[in-house]
């Protein structure tokens, strides 16, 4: 009986060891599969990233060629603006990209320029334009007045902590449930606008088609050759007595190759009722230096998105900033 008992105990121990070994083997196999999948995903992500970098290089070459072919004018019929709806096929994936002109929108950083206290409005053109945009955007779901929102943007950008007119400074934001301070410096991205008083997500959705950010620059120079018809409101906010319909007519009258000069543009503006064009002549251009590239690379089942801000000047293109994922 003792011998049988010993054999039974030994058998149980052996079965326990075999079961434990099987469990360890399954666990190790599962961990190995996870590691292999992680490695595969990482390699796929890196490949998609390099595809995006390739699109960036192509965009730079397109801008350089456009500037070389026509250094005095930037238009929508140049190679940089020629983009198809069908993604370009690459090994095991696709690649697509879109270049937009950062001078075909209102540069929010231009609002940081100190207001002209000698002017009737005691504000700068960009500040005035933002206020007018907010006033004229249809069905703007704002919880603050348009003046408060425009002034709050100026307060966010200026270097002091003194509230400008009906704006908002640090005291406003520090009193919130999740407090934060004002930047007191230029925007790096339009996404920062969400932090400014009054710019809730619904307002942002309405405003973003008209505004942009040029990092480190307070430039306000609207390229009339690259404005889309949907952005006609920008023209009407900057030019006295020019209605939105008049601004749309100006853009519709633009030749396919763009206006040859600012004089040709202002001639159309005056025909549509625009006044005091000399006062705003410096706010417009037929050429551009700043561009935004939005790239999406798909490799197998992975997707990689990148936004690149570019500065094209003197025959060269410089990368100002990159953002991975989402939009900017």
C-alpha atoms as a PDB file:
ATOM      1  CA  UNK A   1       0.000   0.000   0.000  1.00  0.00           C
ATOM      2  CA  UNK A   2       2.870   2.335   0.842  1.00  0.00           C
ATOM      3  CA  UNK A   3       4.492   1.654  -2.564  1.00  0.00           C
ATOM      4  CA  UNK A   4       1.239   2.302  -4.429  1.00  0.00           C
ATOM      5  CA  UNK A   5       0.750   5.504  -2.464  1.00  0.00           C
ATOM      6  CA  UNK A   6       4.238   6.691  -3.369  1.00  0.00           C
ATOM      7  CA  UNK A   7       3.674   5.899  -7.037  1.00  0.00           C
ATOM      8  CA  UNK A   8       0.361   7.794  -6.988  1.00  0.00           C
ATOM      9  CA  UNK A   9       1.985  10.811  -5.385  1.00  0.00           C
ATOM     10  CA  UNK A  10       4.789  10.727  -7.937  1.00  0.00           C
ATOM     11  CA  UNK A  11       2.269  10.563 -10.779  1.00  0.00           C
ATOM     12  CA  UNK A  12       0.396  13.547  -9.409  1.00  0.00           C
ATOM     13  CA  UNK A  13       3.644  15.512  -9.136  1.00  0.00           C
ATOM     14  CA  UNK A  14       4.604  14.589 -12.706  1.00  0.00           C
ATOM     15  CA  UNK A  15       1.179  15.610 -14.004  1.00  0.00           C
ATOM     16  CA  UNK A  16       1.434  18.889 -12.079  1.00  0.00           C
ATOM     17  CA  UNK A  17       4.859  19.587 -13.580  1.00  0.00           C
ATOM     18  CA  UNK A  18       3.613  18.776 -17.085  1.00  0.00           C
ATOM     19  CA  UNK A  19       0.589  21.063 -16.616  1.00  0.00           C
ATOM     20  CA  UNK A  20       2.808  23.852 -15.280  1.00  0.00           C
ATOM     21  CA  UNK A  21       5.194  23.452 -18.208  1.00  0.00           C
ATOM     22  CA  UNK A  22       2.256  23.587 -20.633  1.00  0.00           C
ATOM     23  CA  UNK A  23       0.944  26.757 -18.994  1.00  0.00           C
ATOM     24  CA  UNK A  24       4.391  28.378 -19.161  1.00  0.00           C
ATOM     25  CA  UNK A  25       4.757  27.336 -22.807  1.00  0.00           C
ATOM     26  CA  UNK A  26       1.377  28.871 -23.713  1.00  0.00           C
ATOM     27  CA  UNK A  27       2.230  32.052 -21.807  1.00  0.00           C
ATOM     28  CA  UNK A  28       5.630  32.320 -23.486  1.00  0.00           C
ATOM     29  CA  UNK A  29       4.044  31.684 -26.891  1.00  0.00           C
ATOM     30  CA  UNK A  30       1.435  34.387 -26.294  1.00  0.00           C
ATOM     31  CA  UNK A  31       4.085  36.861 -25.149  1.00  0.00           C
ATOM     32  CA  UNK A  32       6.190  36.020 -28.185  1.00  0.00           C
ATOM     33  CA  UNK A  33       3.228  36.639 -30.497  1.00  0.00           C
ATOM     34  CA  UNK A  34       2.590  39.994 -28.822  1.00  0.00           C
ATOM     35  CA  UNK A  35       6.240  40.983 -29.194  1.00  0.00           C
ATOM     36  CA  UNK A  36       6.260  39.907 -32.840  1.00  0.00           C
ATOM     37  CA  UNK A  37       3.086  41.950 -33.482  1.00  0.00           C
ATOM     38  CA  UNK A  38       4.572  44.971 -31.711  1.00  0.00           C
ATOM     39  CA  UNK A  39       7.703  44.686 -33.807  1.00  0.00           C
ATOM     40  CA  UNK A  40       5.624  44.355 -36.988  1.00  0.00           C
ATOM     41  CA  UNK A  41       3.525  47.399 -36.066  1.00  0.00           C
ATOM     42  CA  UNK A  42       6.639  49.412 -35.260  1.00  0.00           C
ATOM     43  CA  UNK A  43       8.224  48.513 -38.577  1.00  0.00           C
ATOM     44  CA  UNK A  44       4.996  49.333 -40.415  1.00  0.00           C
ATOM     45  CA  UNK A  45       4.694  52.643 -38.577  1.00  0.00           C
ATOM     46  CA  UNK A  46       8.282  53.541 -39.432  1.00  0.00           C
ATOM     47  CA  UNK A  47       7.723  52.650 -43.093  1.00  0.00           C
ATOM     48  CA  UNK A  48       4.589  54.795 -43.243  1.00  0.00           C
ATOM     49  CA  UNK A  49       6.554  57.615 -41.584  1.00  0.00           C
ATOM     50  CA  UNK A  50       9.284  57.412 -44.204  1.00  0.00           C
ATOM     51  CA  UNK A  51       6.660  57.471 -46.938  1.00  0.00           C
ATOM     52  CA  UNK A  52       5.335  60.704 -45.391  1.00  0.00           C
ATOM     53  CA  UNK A  53       8.851  62.143 -45.385  1.00  0.00           C
ATOM     54  CA  UNK A  54       9.052  61.222 -49.063  1.00  0.00           C
ATOM     55  CA  UNK A  55       5.871  63.184 -49.737  1.00  0.00           C
ATOM     56  CA  UNK A  56       7.412  66.115 -47.884  1.00  0.00           C
ATOM     57  CA  UNK A  57      10.436  66.050 -50.186  1.00  0.00           C
ATOM     58  CA  UNK A  58       8.188  65.950 -53.257  1.00  0.00           C
ATOM     59  CA  UNK A  59       6.255  68.952 -51.934  1.00  0.00           C
ATOM     60  CA  UNK A  60       9.474  70.890 -51.397  1.00  0.00           C
ATOM     61  CA  UNK A  61      10.604  70.127 -54.955  1.00  0.00           C
ATOM     62  CA  UNK A  62       7.198  71.238 -56.289  1.00  0.00           C
ATOM     63  CA  UNK A  63       7.439  74.555 -54.436  1.00  0.00           C
ATOM     64  CA  UNK A  64      11.014  75.136 -55.583  1.00  0.00           C
ATOM     65  CA  UNK A  65      10.022  74.475 -59.201  1.00  0.00           C
ATOM     66  CA  UNK A  66       7.003  76.782 -58.947  1.00  0.00           C
ATOM     67  CA  UNK A  67       9.121  79.564 -57.466  1.00  0.00           C
ATOM     68  CA  UNK A  68      11.795  79.059 -60.104  1.00  0.00           C
ATOM     69  CA  UNK A  69       9.269  79.148 -62.963  1.00  0.00           C
ATOM     70  CA  UNK A  70       7.412  82.201 -61.654  1.00  0.00           C
ATOM     71  CA  UNK A  71       9.174  83.918 -58.720  1.00  0.00           C
ATOM     72  CA  UNK A  72       6.851  86.930 -58.659  1.00  0.00           C
ATOM     73  CA  UNK A  73       3.499  85.195 -58.447  1.00  0.00           C
ATOM     74  CA  UNK A  74       1.889  82.300 -56.561  1.00  0.00           C
ATOM     75  CA  UNK A  75      -1.277  80.891 -58.132  1.00  0.00           C
ATOM     76  CA  UNK A  76      -3.519  77.847 -57.998  1.00  0.00           C
ATOM     77  CA  UNK A  77      -2.489  76.687 -61.472  1.00  0.00           C
ATOM     78  CA  UNK A  78       1.113  76.042 -60.386  1.00  0.00           C
ATOM     79  CA  UNK A  79       2.412  72.534 -59.784  1.00  0.00           C
ATOM     80  CA  UNK A  80       2.339  72.797 -55.972  1.00  0.00           C
ATOM     81  CA  UNK A  81      -1.447  73.256 -56.073  1.00  0.00           C
ATOM     82  CA  UNK A  82      -2.123  70.393 -58.491  1.00  0.00           C
ATOM     83  CA  UNK A  83      -3.474  67.608 -56.307  1.00  0.00           C
ATOM     84  CA  UNK A  84      -5.644  64.670 -57.301  1.00  0.00           C
ATOM     85  CA  UNK A  85      -8.308  62.902 -55.284  1.00  0.00           C
ATOM     86  CA  UNK A  86      -6.733  59.500 -55.928  1.00  0.00           C
ATOM     87  CA  UNK A  87      -3.911  58.558 -53.509  1.00  0.00           C
ATOM     88  CA  UNK A  88      -0.564  57.679 -55.068  1.00  0.00           C
ATOM     89  CA  UNK A  89       0.159  53.926 -54.825  1.00  0.00           C
ATOM     90  CA  UNK A  90       3.360  52.769 -53.119  1.00  0.00           C
ATOM     91  CA  UNK A  91       4.579  49.327 -52.038  1.00  0.00           C
ATOM     92  CA  UNK A  92       1.948  47.826 -49.709  1.00  0.00           C
ATOM     93  CA  UNK A  93       0.143  51.131 -49.303  1.00  0.00           C
ATOM     94  CA  UNK A  94      -0.846  54.558 -50.585  1.00  0.00           C
ATOM     95  CA  UNK A  95       0.398  58.106 -50.169  1.00  0.00           C
ATOM     96  CA  UNK A  96      -1.549  61.357 -50.409  1.00  0.00           C
ATOM     97  CA  UNK A  97      -0.714  64.968 -49.709  1.00  0.00           C
ATOM     98  CA  UNK A  98      -2.203  68.440 -49.973  1.00  0.00           C
ATOM     99  CA  UNK A  99      -0.402  71.796 -49.981  1.00  0.00           C
ATOM    100  CA  UNK A 100      -2.308  74.900 -48.931  1.00  0.00           C
ATOM    101  CA  UNK A 101      -1.235  78.533 -48.895  1.00  0.00           C
ATOM    102  CA  UNK A 102      -0.857  79.995 -45.394  1.00  0.00           C
ATOM    103  CA  UNK A 103      -1.290  83.452 -46.907  1.00  0.00           C
ATOM    104  CA  UNK A 104      -4.799  82.615 -48.101  1.00  0.00           C
ATOM    105  CA  UNK A 105      -6.158  83.025 -44.575  1.00  0.00           C
ATOM    106  CA  UNK A 106      -5.976  85.376 -41.616  1.00  0.00           C
ATOM    107  CA  UNK A 107      -2.733  84.848 -39.696  1.00  0.00           C
ATOM    108  CA  UNK A 108      -3.799  84.986 -36.038  1.00  0.00           C
ATOM    109  CA  UNK A 109      -0.310  86.039 -34.963  1.00  0.00           C
ATOM    110  CA  UNK A 110      -0.787  89.320 -36.846  1.00  0.00           C
ATOM    111  CA  UNK A 111      -3.229  90.304 -34.092  1.00  0.00           C
ATOM    112  CA  UNK A 112      -0.251  90.597 -31.733  1.00  0.00           C
ATOM    113  CA  UNK A 113       0.889  93.801 -33.444  1.00  0.00           C
ATOM    114  CA  UNK A 114       0.278  96.733 -31.110  1.00  0.00           C
ATOM    115  CA  UNK A 115      -2.872  98.653 -32.071  1.00  0.00           C
ATOM    116  CA  UNK A 116      -2.611 102.032 -33.749  1.00  0.00           C
ATOM    117  CA  UNK A 117      -3.925 104.373 -31.072  1.00  0.00           C
ATOM    118  CA  UNK A 118      -4.140 107.199 -33.615  1.00  0.00           C
ATOM    119  CA  UNK A 119      -6.615 105.326 -35.794  1.00  0.00           C
ATOM    120  CA  UNK A 120     -10.374 105.665 -35.434  1.00  0.00           C
ATOM    121  CA  UNK A 121     -10.790 102.023 -34.425  1.00  0.00           C
ATOM    122  CA  UNK A 122      -7.678 101.963 -32.222  1.00  0.00           C
ATOM    123  CA  UNK A 123      -6.898  98.483 -33.451  1.00  0.00           C
ATOM    124  CA  UNK A 124      -4.771  96.766 -36.063  1.00  0.00           C
ATOM    125  CA  UNK A 125      -6.151  95.370 -39.361  1.00  0.00           C
ATOM    126  CA  UNK A 126      -5.885  91.721 -38.283  1.00  0.00           C
ATOM    127  CA  UNK A 127      -7.753  92.426 -35.046  1.00  0.00           C
ATOM    128  CA  UNK A 128     -10.440  94.305 -36.957  1.00  0.00           C
ATOM    129  CA  UNK A 129     -10.677  91.481 -39.510  1.00  0.00           C
ATOM    130  CA  UNK A 130     -11.113  88.805 -36.831  1.00  0.00           C
ATOM    131  CA  UNK A 131     -13.868  90.837 -35.175  1.00  0.00           C
ATOM    132  CA  UNK A 132     -15.614  91.255 -38.533  1.00  0.00           C
ATOM    133  CA  UNK A 133     -15.217  87.555 -39.315  1.00  0.00           C
ATOM    134  CA  UNK A 134     -16.834  86.591 -36.025  1.00  0.00           C
ATOM    135  CA  UNK A 135     -19.654  89.060 -36.669  1.00  0.00           C
ATOM    136  CA  UNK A 136     -20.368  87.801 -40.190  1.00  0.00           C
ATOM    137  CA  UNK A 137     -19.956  84.026 -39.875  1.00  0.00           C
ATOM    138  CA  UNK A 138     -23.459  82.612 -40.108  1.00  0.00           C
ATOM    139  CA  UNK A 139     -24.949  80.855 -37.084  1.00  0.00           C
ATOM    140  CA  UNK A 140     -21.820  81.280 -34.970  1.00  0.00           C
ATOM    141  CA  UNK A 141     -22.546  79.309 -31.749  1.00  0.00           C
ATOM    142  CA  UNK A 142     -20.727  81.781 -29.502  1.00  0.00           C
ATOM    143  CA  UNK A 143     -21.326  82.234 -25.781  1.00  0.00           C
ATOM    144  CA  UNK A 144     -19.359  85.499 -25.698  1.00  0.00           C
ATOM    145  CA  UNK A 145     -19.657  88.681 -27.740  1.00  0.00           C
ATOM    146  CA  UNK A 146     -17.571  88.927 -30.913  1.00  0.00           C
ATOM    147  CA  UNK A 147     -15.706  91.917 -29.469  1.00  0.00           C
ATOM    148  CA  UNK A 148     -14.814  89.972 -26.313  1.00  0.00           C
ATOM    149  CA  UNK A 149     -13.519  87.053 -28.333  1.00  0.00           C
ATOM    150  CA  UNK A 150     -11.367  89.217 -30.627  1.00  0.00           C
ATOM    151  CA  UNK A 151      -9.977  91.198 -27.681  1.00  0.00           C
ATOM    152  CA  UNK A 152      -9.260  87.958 -25.797  1.00  0.00           C
ATOM    153  CA  UNK A 153      -7.116  86.735 -28.694  1.00  0.00           C
ATOM    154  CA  UNK A 154      -5.083  89.947 -28.492  1.00  0.00           C
ATOM    155  CA  UNK A 155      -4.714  89.513 -24.707  1.00  0.00           C
ATOM    156  CA  UNK A 156      -3.544  85.924 -25.233  1.00  0.00           C
ATOM    157  CA  UNK A 157      -0.822  87.109 -27.625  1.00  0.00           C
ATOM    158  CA  UNK A 158       0.414  90.329 -26.012  1.00  0.00           C
ATOM    159  CA  UNK A 159       3.366  90.305 -23.611  1.00  0.00           C
ATOM    160  CA  UNK A 160       1.641  91.956 -20.638  1.00  0.00           C
ATOM    161  CA  UNK A 161      -1.075  90.943 -18.193  1.00  0.00           C
ATOM    162  CA  UNK A 162      -3.216  94.047 -18.669  1.00  0.00           C
ATOM    163  CA  UNK A 163      -6.696  93.305 -19.983  1.00  0.00           C
ATOM    164  CA  UNK A 164      -7.366  94.989 -23.331  1.00  0.00           C
ATOM    165  CA  UNK A 165     -10.881  96.452 -23.548  1.00  0.00           C
ATOM    166  CA  UNK A 166     -13.320  93.548 -23.105  1.00  0.00           C
ATOM    167  CA  UNK A 167     -10.693  90.806 -23.412  1.00  0.00           C
ATOM    168  CA  UNK A 168      -9.436  88.258 -20.890  1.00  0.00           C
ATOM    169  CA  UNK A 169      -6.101  87.903 -19.122  1.00  0.00           C
ATOM    170  CA  UNK A 170      -4.635  85.455 -16.591  1.00  0.00           C
ATOM    171  CA  UNK A 171      -7.230  86.170 -13.912  1.00  0.00           C
ATOM    172  CA  UNK A 172      -9.969  84.776 -16.148  1.00  0.00           C
ATOM    173  CA  UNK A 173      -8.175  81.516 -16.862  1.00  0.00           C
ATOM    174  CA  UNK A 174      -6.687  80.975 -13.394  1.00  0.00           C
ATOM    175  CA  UNK A 175     -10.174  81.100 -11.866  1.00  0.00           C
ATOM    176  CA  UNK A 176     -11.408  78.131 -13.906  1.00  0.00           C
ATOM    177  CA  UNK A 177     -11.873  74.594 -12.594  1.00  0.00           C
ATOM    178  CA  UNK A 178      -8.706  73.557 -14.422  1.00  0.00           C
ATOM    179  CA  UNK A 179      -6.619  76.752 -14.311  1.00  0.00           C
ATOM    180  CA  UNK A 180      -3.949  77.744 -16.787  1.00  0.00           C
ATOM    181  CA  UNK A 181      -2.063  80.888 -17.752  1.00  0.00           C
ATOM    182  CA  UNK A 182      -2.094  82.928 -20.935  1.00  0.00           C
ATOM    183  CA  UNK A 183       0.726  82.302 -23.393  1.00  0.00           C
ATOM    184  CA  UNK A 184       1.707  85.980 -23.779  1.00  0.00           C
ATOM    185  CA  UNK A 185       3.447  84.958 -26.990  1.00  0.00           C
ATOM    186  CA  UNK A 186       2.613  84.042 -30.574  1.00  0.00           C
ATOM    187  CA  UNK A 187       0.526  81.019 -31.480  1.00  0.00           C
ATOM    188  CA  UNK A 188       2.377  77.940 -32.685  1.00  0.00           C
ATOM    189  CA  UNK A 189      -0.796  76.248 -33.928  1.00  0.00           C
ATOM    190  CA  UNK A 190      -4.446  77.068 -34.525  1.00  0.00           C
ATOM    191  CA  UNK A 191      -5.290  74.407 -31.920  1.00  0.00           C
ATOM    192  CA  UNK A 192      -4.156  76.880 -29.219  1.00  0.00           C
ATOM    193  CA  UNK A 193      -7.132  79.053 -30.086  1.00  0.00           C
ATOM    194  CA  UNK A 194      -9.312  76.540 -28.206  1.00  0.00           C
ATOM    195  CA  UNK A 195      -7.819  77.859 -24.956  1.00  0.00           C
ATOM    196  CA  UNK A 196      -8.933  81.442 -25.577  1.00  0.00           C
ATOM    197  CA  UNK A 197     -12.122  82.703 -23.965  1.00  0.00           C
ATOM    198  CA  UNK A 198     -15.185  82.116 -26.131  1.00  0.00           C
ATOM    199  CA  UNK A 199     -13.616  79.740 -28.651  1.00  0.00           C
ATOM    200  CA  UNK A 200     -15.530  76.577 -27.879  1.00  0.00           C
ATOM    201  CA  UNK A 201     -15.344  73.561 -30.265  1.00  0.00           C
ATOM    202  CA  UNK A 202     -18.427  74.665 -32.220  1.00  0.00           C
ATOM    203  CA  UNK A 203     -16.988  78.151 -32.745  1.00  0.00           C
ATOM    204  CA  UNK A 204     -13.651  76.641 -33.769  1.00  0.00           C
ATOM    205  CA  UNK A 205     -15.353  74.565 -36.458  1.00  0.00           C
ATOM    206  CA  UNK A 206     -16.871  77.715 -37.953  1.00  0.00           C
ATOM    207  CA  UNK A 207     -13.731  79.874 -37.681  1.00  0.00           C
ATOM    208  CA  UNK A 208     -10.970  77.505 -38.842  1.00  0.00           C
ATOM    209  CA  UNK A 209     -11.682  77.814 -42.609  1.00  0.00           C
ATOM    210  CA  UNK A 210     -10.730  81.502 -42.399  1.00  0.00           C
ATOM    211  CA  UNK A 211      -7.785  81.576 -39.973  1.00  0.00           C
ATOM    212  CA  UNK A 212      -4.327  80.054 -39.743  1.00  0.00           C
ATOM    213  CA  UNK A 213      -1.043  80.464 -37.908  1.00  0.00           C
ATOM    214  CA  UNK A 214       2.378  81.305 -39.330  1.00  0.00           C
ATOM    215  CA  UNK A 215       4.792  80.305 -36.532  1.00  0.00           C
ATOM    216  CA  UNK A 216       7.017  83.120 -35.349  1.00  0.00           C
ATOM    217  CA  UNK A 217       5.567  85.641 -37.801  1.00  0.00           C
ATOM    218  CA  UNK A 218       3.074  88.503 -37.484  1.00  0.00           C
ATOM    219  CA  UNK A 219       2.784  88.795 -41.261  1.00  0.00           C
ATOM    220  CA  UNK A 220      -0.589  89.835 -42.656  1.00  0.00           C
ATOM    221  CA  UNK A 221      -0.336  89.570 -46.435  1.00  0.00           C
ATOM    222  CA  UNK A 222      -3.314  87.919 -48.122  1.00  0.00           C
ATOM    223  CA  UNK A 223      -2.515  86.338 -51.480  1.00  0.00           C
ATOM    224  CA  UNK A 224      -5.477  87.242 -53.682  1.00  0.00           C
ATOM    225  CA  UNK A 225      -4.415  84.609 -56.219  1.00  0.00           C
ATOM    226  CA  UNK A 226      -4.954  81.658 -53.884  1.00  0.00           C
ATOM    227  CA  UNK A 227      -8.079  82.661 -51.968  1.00  0.00           C
ATOM    228  CA  UNK A 228     -10.949  80.234 -52.510  1.00  0.00           C
ATOM    229  CA  UNK A 229     -14.474  81.437 -53.200  1.00  0.00           C
ATOM    230  CA  UNK A 230     -15.488  80.069 -49.776  1.00  0.00           C
ATOM    231  CA  UNK A 231     -13.028  82.510 -48.181  1.00  0.00           C
ATOM    232  CA  UNK A 232     -14.496  85.622 -49.778  1.00  0.00           C
ATOM    233  CA  UNK A 233     -15.479  86.839 -46.318  1.00  0.00           C
ATOM    234  CA  UNK A 234     -11.792  87.575 -45.642  1.00  0.00           C
ATOM    235  CA  UNK A 235     -11.742  90.153 -48.435  1.00  0.00           C
ATOM    236  CA  UNK A 236     -14.945  91.849 -47.293  1.00  0.00           C
ATOM    237  CA  UNK A 237     -13.650  92.166 -43.713  1.00  0.00           C
ATOM    238  CA  UNK A 238     -10.443  93.895 -44.826  1.00  0.00           C
ATOM    239  CA  UNK A 239     -11.804  96.207 -47.540  1.00  0.00           C
ATOM    240  CA  UNK A 240     -14.295  98.979 -46.788  1.00  0.00           C
ATOM    241  CA  UNK A 241     -17.700  98.755 -48.485  1.00  0.00           C
ATOM    242  CA  UNK A 242     -16.908  95.447 -50.191  1.00  0.00           C
ATOM    243  CA  UNK A 243     -19.793  93.057 -49.578  1.00  0.00           C
ATOM    244  CA  UNK A 244     -19.392  89.299 -49.377  1.00  0.00           C
ATOM    245  CA  UNK A 245     -21.130  88.908 -52.733  1.00  0.00           C
ATOM    246  CA  UNK A 246     -18.817  91.561 -54.161  1.00  0.00           C
ATOM    247  CA  UNK A 247     -15.788  89.704 -52.804  1.00  0.00           C
ATOM    248  CA  UNK A 248     -17.080  86.495 -54.366  1.00  0.00           C
ATOM    249  CA  UNK A 249     -17.406  88.316 -57.688  1.00  0.00           C
ATOM    250  CA  UNK A 250     -13.801  89.534 -57.423  1.00  0.00           C
ATOM    251  CA  UNK A 251     -12.557  85.977 -56.900  1.00  0.00           C
ATOM    252  CA  UNK A 252     -14.763  84.688 -59.723  1.00  0.00           C
ATOM    253  CA  UNK A 253     -13.271  87.324 -62.064  1.00  0.00           C
ATOM    254  CA  UNK A 254      -9.729  86.216 -61.271  1.00  0.00           C
ATOM    255  CA  UNK A 255      -7.963  84.755 -64.356  1.00  0.00           C
ATOM    256  CA  UNK A 256      -6.956  81.087 -64.244  1.00  0.00           C
ATOM    257  CA  UNK A 257      -3.315  82.186 -64.069  1.00  0.00           C
ATOM    258  CA  UNK A 258      -4.109  84.646 -61.278  1.00  0.00           C
ATOM    259  CA  UNK A 259      -3.979  88.445 -61.191  1.00  0.00           C
ATOM    260  CA  UNK A 260      -0.837  89.754 -62.837  1.00  0.00           C
ATOM    261  CA  UNK A 261      -0.588  92.620 -60.354  1.00  0.00           C
ATOM    262  CA  UNK A 262      -2.228  94.052 -57.270  1.00  0.00           C
ATOM    263  CA  UNK A 263      -3.482  96.900 -59.455  1.00  0.00           C
ATOM    264  CA  UNK A 264      -5.513  94.415 -61.515  1.00  0.00           C
ATOM    265  CA  UNK A 265      -6.979  93.004 -58.310  1.00  0.00           C
ATOM    266  CA  UNK A 266      -7.913  96.401 -56.870  1.00  0.00           C
ATOM    267  CA  UNK A 267      -9.496  97.373 -60.174  1.00  0.00           C
ATOM    268  CA  UNK A 268     -11.897  94.469 -59.738  1.00  0.00           C
ATOM    269  CA  UNK A 269     -12.437  95.426 -56.090  1.00  0.00           C
ATOM    270  CA  UNK A 270     -13.424  98.974 -57.003  1.00  0.00           C
ATOM    271  CA  UNK A 271     -15.790  97.702 -59.669  1.00  0.00           C
ATOM    272  CA  UNK A 272     -17.561  95.754 -56.909  1.00  0.00           C
ATOM    273  CA  UNK A 273     -17.872  98.808 -54.662  1.00  0.00           C
ATOM    274  CA  UNK A 274     -14.721  98.526 -52.541  1.00  0.00           C
ATOM    275  CA  UNK A 275     -13.487 101.819 -51.074  1.00  0.00           C
ATOM    276  CA  UNK A 276     -10.268 103.221 -49.558  1.00  0.00           C
ATOM    277  CA  UNK A 277      -8.146 100.572 -51.253  1.00  0.00           C
ATOM    278  CA  UNK A 278      -4.961 102.594 -50.826  1.00  0.00           C
ATOM    279  CA  UNK A 279      -5.274 102.262 -47.055  1.00  0.00           C
ATOM    280  CA  UNK A 280      -5.171  98.462 -47.248  1.00  0.00           C
ATOM    281  CA  UNK A 281      -2.869  98.007 -50.218  1.00  0.00           C
ATOM    282  CA  UNK A 282      -0.062  96.581 -48.062  1.00  0.00           C
ATOM    283  CA  UNK A 283      -2.345  93.877 -46.668  1.00  0.00           C
ATOM    284  CA  UNK A 284      -2.564  92.076 -50.014  1.00  0.00           C
ATOM    285  CA  UNK A 285      -0.156  90.311 -52.316  1.00  0.00           C
ATOM    286  CA  UNK A 286      -0.043  88.143 -55.438  1.00  0.00           C
ATOM    287  CA  UNK A 287       2.822  86.048 -54.075  1.00  0.00           C
ATOM    288  CA  UNK A 288       3.280  83.720 -51.080  1.00  0.00           C
ATOM    289  CA  UNK A 289       6.122  82.427 -48.930  1.00  0.00           C
ATOM    290  CA  UNK A 290       4.361  80.251 -46.334  1.00  0.00           C
ATOM    291  CA  UNK A 291       2.680  76.922 -47.022  1.00  0.00           C
ATOM    292  CA  UNK A 292       1.193  73.969 -45.160  1.00  0.00           C
ATOM    293  CA  UNK A 293       1.526  70.350 -46.279  1.00  0.00           C
ATOM    294  CA  UNK A 294      -0.860  67.719 -44.925  1.00  0.00           C
ATOM    295  CA  UNK A 295       0.317  64.183 -45.663  1.00  0.00           C
ATOM    296  CA  UNK A 296      -1.280  60.802 -45.052  1.00  0.00           C
ATOM    297  CA  UNK A 297       0.621  57.557 -45.624  1.00  0.00           C
ATOM    298  CA  UNK A 298      -1.039  54.149 -45.459  1.00  0.00           C
ATOM    299  CA  UNK A 299       1.122  51.047 -45.129  1.00  0.00           C
ATOM    300  CA  UNK A 300      -0.656  47.676 -44.913  1.00  0.00           C
ATOM    301  CA  UNK A 301      -3.243  48.362 -42.162  1.00  0.00           C
ATOM    302  CA  UNK A 302      -1.391  51.304 -40.572  1.00  0.00           C
ATOM    303  CA  UNK A 303      -1.979  55.002 -41.181  1.00  0.00           C
ATOM    304  CA  UNK A 304       0.445  57.849 -40.499  1.00  0.00           C
ATOM    305  CA  UNK A 305      -0.531  61.539 -40.695  1.00  0.00           C
ATOM    306  CA  UNK A 306       1.856  64.496 -40.704  1.00  0.00           C
ATOM    307  CA  UNK A 307       1.522  68.254 -41.094  1.00  0.00           C
ATOM    308  CA  UNK A 308       4.524  70.288 -42.240  1.00  0.00           C
ATOM    309  CA  UNK A 309       4.814  74.078 -42.320  1.00  0.00           C
ATOM    310  CA  UNK A 310       7.119  75.342 -45.067  1.00  0.00           C
ATOM    311  CA  UNK A 311       8.788  78.655 -45.881  1.00  0.00           C
ATOM    312  CA  UNK A 312       9.739  79.203 -49.522  1.00  0.00           C
ATOM    313  CA  UNK A 313      12.092  82.112 -50.157  1.00  0.00           C
ATOM    314  CA  UNK A 314      15.096  82.935 -52.329  1.00  0.00           C
ATOM    315  CA  UNK A 315      14.882  79.669 -54.242  1.00  0.00           C
ATOM    316  CA  UNK A 316      14.980  77.525 -51.123  1.00  0.00           C
ATOM    317  CA  UNK A 317      12.351  75.884 -48.899  1.00  0.00           C
ATOM    318  CA  UNK A 318      12.775  75.637 -45.130  1.00  0.00           C
ATOM    319  CA  UNK A 319      10.793  73.396 -42.785  1.00  0.00           C
ATOM    320  CA  UNK A 320       9.372  75.563 -39.990  1.00  0.00           C
ATOM    321  CA  UNK A 321       7.557  72.871 -38.015  1.00  0.00           C
ATOM    322  CA  UNK A 322       6.199  69.330 -38.148  1.00  0.00           C
ATOM    323  CA  UNK A 323       3.225  67.820 -36.380  1.00  0.00           C
ATOM    324  CA  UNK A 324       2.531  64.090 -36.296  1.00  0.00           C
ATOM    325  CA  UNK A 325      -1.023  62.859 -36.233  1.00  0.00           C
ATOM    326  CA  UNK A 326      -4.272  64.765 -36.474  1.00  0.00           C
ATOM    327  CA  UNK A 327      -4.465  68.132 -38.223  1.00  0.00           C
ATOM    328  CA  UNK A 328      -2.944  71.607 -37.646  1.00  0.00           C
END
